[in-house]
Amino acid sequence: MSAGNSSTTIFRNAEARNKLINSQAFIPENNIIAGVKVYENRGVSHCARWREGSIDIKLCLFKRNKRHFQFSTLIPYPSWEFQEEIGNCSCLQYVQSMTYDLFGRMWL
């Protein structure tokens, strides 16, 4: 499943997306959603940085529209700031997997 083919995926705005595409820091077809978990009405995915041009977002929420989840809008979770710095141990670095327990707590 690709995380990069939507115009609304993950980016703060269209200008930021276009700037990254033009610099080849973001190559849409190189982005892969590596895992998806759903708990009640929450959906969470993690994106793998396996290829050049992969987005630097490790964990995303996705929206639910009535009965269906929409992957067209992925929201960095818990925030942009928690995602951005590679090498900062206060931020997410690499999400291998995640799950929800019986109480709805997410485990990474």
C-alpha atoms as a PDB file:
ATOM      1  CA  MET A   1       0.000   0.000   0.000  1.00  0.00           C
ATOM      2  CA  SER A   2       1.445   3.342  -0.935  1.00  0.00           C
ATOM      3  CA  ALA A   3       1.425   6.363   1.327  1.00  0.00           C
ATOM      4  CA  GLY A   4       2.599   8.762  -1.289  1.00  0.00           C
ATOM      5  CA  ASN A   5       0.020   8.843  -4.050  1.00  0.00           C
ATOM      6  CA  SER A   6      -2.501  11.165  -2.424  1.00  0.00           C
ATOM      7  CA  SER A   7      -2.401  14.927  -2.704  1.00  0.00           C
ATOM      8  CA  THR A   8      -3.408  15.285   0.942  1.00  0.00           C
ATOM      9  CA  THR A   9      -1.079  12.732   2.454  1.00  0.00           C
ATOM     10  CA  ILE A  10       0.874  13.905   5.467  1.00  0.00           C
ATOM     11  CA  PHE A  11       2.142  17.281   4.276  1.00  0.00           C
ATOM     12  CA  ARG A  12       1.512  20.542   6.072  1.00  0.00           C
ATOM     13  CA  ASN A  13       0.402  22.096   2.769  1.00  0.00           C
ATOM     14  CA  ALA A  14       0.690  21.684  -1.023  1.00  0.00           C
ATOM     15  CA  GLU A  15       3.681  24.037  -1.197  1.00  0.00           C
ATOM     16  CA  ALA A  16       5.661  21.895   1.251  1.00  0.00           C
ATOM     17  CA  ARG A  17       4.766  18.751  -0.728  1.00  0.00           C
ATOM     18  CA  ASN A  18       5.785  20.276  -4.061  1.00  0.00           C
ATOM     19  CA  LYS A  19       9.078  21.571  -2.661  1.00  0.00           C
ATOM     20  CA  LEU A  20       9.998  18.077  -1.422  1.00  0.00           C
ATOM     21  CA  ILE A  21       8.982  16.470  -4.731  1.00  0.00           C
ATOM     22  CA  ASN A  22      11.031  18.975  -6.753  1.00  0.00           C
ATOM     23  CA  SER A  23      14.105  18.327  -4.591  1.00  0.00           C
ATOM     24  CA  GLN A  24      13.465  14.548  -4.762  1.00  0.00           C
ATOM     25  CA  ALA A  25      13.451  14.409  -0.953  1.00  0.00           C
ATOM     26  CA  PHE A  26       9.971  12.935  -1.460  1.00  0.00           C
ATOM     27  CA  ILE A  27       9.343  10.404  -4.220  1.00  0.00           C
ATOM     28  CA  PRO A  28       5.654   9.393  -3.982  1.00  0.00           C
ATOM     29  CA  GLU A  29       6.026   5.887  -5.421  1.00  0.00           C
ATOM     30  CA  ASN A  30       8.804   5.051  -2.914  1.00  0.00           C
ATOM     31  CA  ASN A  31       6.582   5.434   0.141  1.00  0.00           C
ATOM     32  CA  ILE A  32       5.121   2.348   1.766  1.00  0.00           C
ATOM     33  CA  ILE A  33       2.610   1.935   4.569  1.00  0.00           C
ATOM     34  CA  ALA A  34       4.159  -0.994   6.420  1.00  0.00           C
ATOM     35  CA  GLY A  35       1.436  -1.696   8.958  1.00  0.00           C
ATOM     36  CA  VAL A  36      -2.125  -0.762   9.884  1.00  0.00           C
ATOM     37  CA  LYS A  37      -4.001  -1.244  13.148  1.00  0.00           C
ATOM     38  CA  VAL A  38      -7.583  -0.303  13.958  1.00  0.00           C
ATOM     39  CA  TYR A  39      -9.112   0.058  17.399  1.00  0.00           C
ATOM     40  CA  GLU A  40     -12.761   1.080  17.558  1.00  0.00           C
ATOM     41  CA  ASN A  41     -12.940   4.227  15.394  1.00  0.00           C
ATOM     42  CA  ARG A  42      -9.190   4.947  15.341  1.00  0.00           C
ATOM     43  CA  GLY A  43      -6.890   3.875  12.578  1.00  0.00           C
ATOM     44  CA  VAL A  44      -3.108   4.081  12.821  1.00  0.00           C
ATOM     45  CA  SER A  45      -0.460   3.227  10.261  1.00  0.00           C
ATOM     46  CA  HIS A  46       3.290   3.237  10.262  1.00  0.00           C
ATOM     47  CA  CYS A  47       5.358   4.219   7.272  1.00  0.00           C
ATOM     48  CA  ALA A  48       8.654   2.564   6.526  1.00  0.00           C
ATOM     49  CA  ARG A  49      11.757   4.506   5.468  1.00  0.00           C
ATOM     50  CA  TRP A  50      13.047   1.709   3.273  1.00  0.00           C
ATOM     51  CA  ARG A  51      13.665   3.619   0.059  1.00  0.00           C
ATOM     52  CA  GLU A  52      15.245   6.875  -1.007  1.00  0.00           C
ATOM     53  CA  GLY A  53      12.648   9.638  -1.056  1.00  0.00           C
ATOM     54  CA  SER A  54      10.519   8.115   1.707  1.00  0.00           C
ATOM     55  CA  ILE A  55       8.576  10.484   3.906  1.00  0.00           C
ATOM     56  CA  ASP A  56      10.016  11.019   7.333  1.00  0.00           C
ATOM     57  CA  ILE A  57       6.792  10.282   9.187  1.00  0.00           C
ATOM     58  CA  LYS A  58       6.840   7.197  11.336  1.00  0.00           C
ATOM     59  CA  LEU A  59       3.298   7.013  12.703  1.00  0.00           C
ATOM     60  CA  CYS A  60       0.028   8.361  11.239  1.00  0.00           C
ATOM     61  CA  LEU A  61      -3.657   8.494  12.082  1.00  0.00           C
ATOM     62  CA  PHE A  62      -6.168   8.077   9.328  1.00  0.00           C
ATOM     63  CA  LYS A  63      -9.727   9.267   9.224  1.00  0.00           C
ATOM     64  CA  ARG A  64     -12.913   7.272   9.295  1.00  0.00           C
ATOM     65  CA  ASN A  65     -15.780   8.336   7.053  1.00  0.00           C
ATOM     66  CA  LYS A  66     -18.966   6.582   8.200  1.00  0.00           C
ATOM     67  CA  ARG A  67     -18.142   2.909   7.647  1.00  0.00           C
ATOM     68  CA  HIS A  68     -14.862   3.245   5.759  1.00  0.00           C
ATOM     69  CA  PHE A  69     -11.401   4.419   6.694  1.00  0.00           C
ATOM     70  CA  GLN A  70      -9.788   6.936   4.373  1.00  0.00           C
ATOM     71  CA  PHE A  71      -6.092   6.577   3.654  1.00  0.00           C
ATOM     72  CA  SER A  72      -6.149   9.723   1.532  1.00  0.00           C
ATOM     73  CA  THR A  73      -5.515  11.898   4.582  1.00  0.00           C
ATOM     74  CA  LEU A  74      -2.814  10.701   6.950  1.00  0.00           C
ATOM     75  CA  ILE A  75      -2.098  12.815  10.021  1.00  0.00           C
ATOM     76  CA  PRO A  76       1.298  12.602  11.773  1.00  0.00           C
ATOM     77  CA  TYR A  77       0.796  11.145  15.270  1.00  0.00           C
ATOM     78  CA  PRO A  78       1.109  12.434  17.922  1.00  0.00           C
ATOM     79  CA  SER A  79       2.432  15.568  16.170  1.00  0.00           C
ATOM     80  CA  TRP A  80       4.770  16.812  13.426  1.00  0.00           C
ATOM     81  CA  GLU A  81       7.356  17.794  16.024  1.00  0.00           C
ATOM     82  CA  PHE A  82       7.468  14.240  17.391  1.00  0.00           C
ATOM     83  CA  GLN A  83       8.390  12.921  13.923  1.00  0.00           C
ATOM     84  CA  GLU A  84      10.870  15.297  12.389  1.00  0.00           C
ATOM     85  CA  GLU A  85      14.263  14.940  14.009  1.00  0.00           C
ATOM     86  CA  ILE A  86      16.300  11.900  13.045  1.00  0.00           C
ATOM     87  CA  GLY A  87      18.758  11.164  15.832  1.00  0.00           C
ATOM     88  CA  ASN A  88      16.735  12.964  18.542  1.00  0.00           C
ATOM     89  CA  CYS A  89      15.835  10.295  21.103  1.00  0.00           C
ATOM     90  CA  SER A  90      12.849  12.378  22.255  1.00  0.00           C
ATOM     91  CA  CYS A  91      11.231  11.807  18.835  1.00  0.00           C
ATOM     92  CA  LEU A  92      10.101   8.659  17.048  1.00  0.00           C
ATOM     93  CA  GLN A  93      12.972   7.177  15.056  1.00  0.00           C
ATOM     94  CA  TYR A  94      11.706   3.954  13.483  1.00  0.00           C
ATOM     95  CA  VAL A  95       8.415   2.207  14.130  1.00  0.00           C
ATOM     96  CA  GLN A  96       8.816  -1.486  13.458  1.00  0.00           C
ATOM     97  CA  SER A  97       5.326  -2.433  14.593  1.00  0.00           C
ATOM     98  CA  MET A  98       2.494  -1.360  16.845  1.00  0.00           C
ATOM     99  CA  THR A  99      -0.574  -2.860  18.479  1.00  0.00           C
ATOM    100  CA  TYR A 100      -3.470  -1.954  20.741  1.00  0.00           C
ATOM    101  CA  ASP A 101      -4.111  -3.763  24.016  1.00  0.00           C
ATOM    102  CA  LEU A 102      -7.528  -4.609  25.481  1.00  0.00           C
ATOM    103  CA  PHE A 103      -7.753  -1.138  27.051  1.00  0.00           C
ATOM    104  CA  GLY A 104      -7.124   0.728  23.804  1.00  0.00           C
ATOM    105  CA  ARG A 105      -3.535   1.695  24.649  1.00  0.00           C
ATOM    106  CA  MET A 106      -1.174   1.768  21.721  1.00  0.00           C
ATOM    107  CA  TRP A 107       2.127  -0.061  22.082  1.00  0.00           C
ATOM    108  CA  LEU A 108       5.060   0.608  19.738  1.00  0.00           C
END
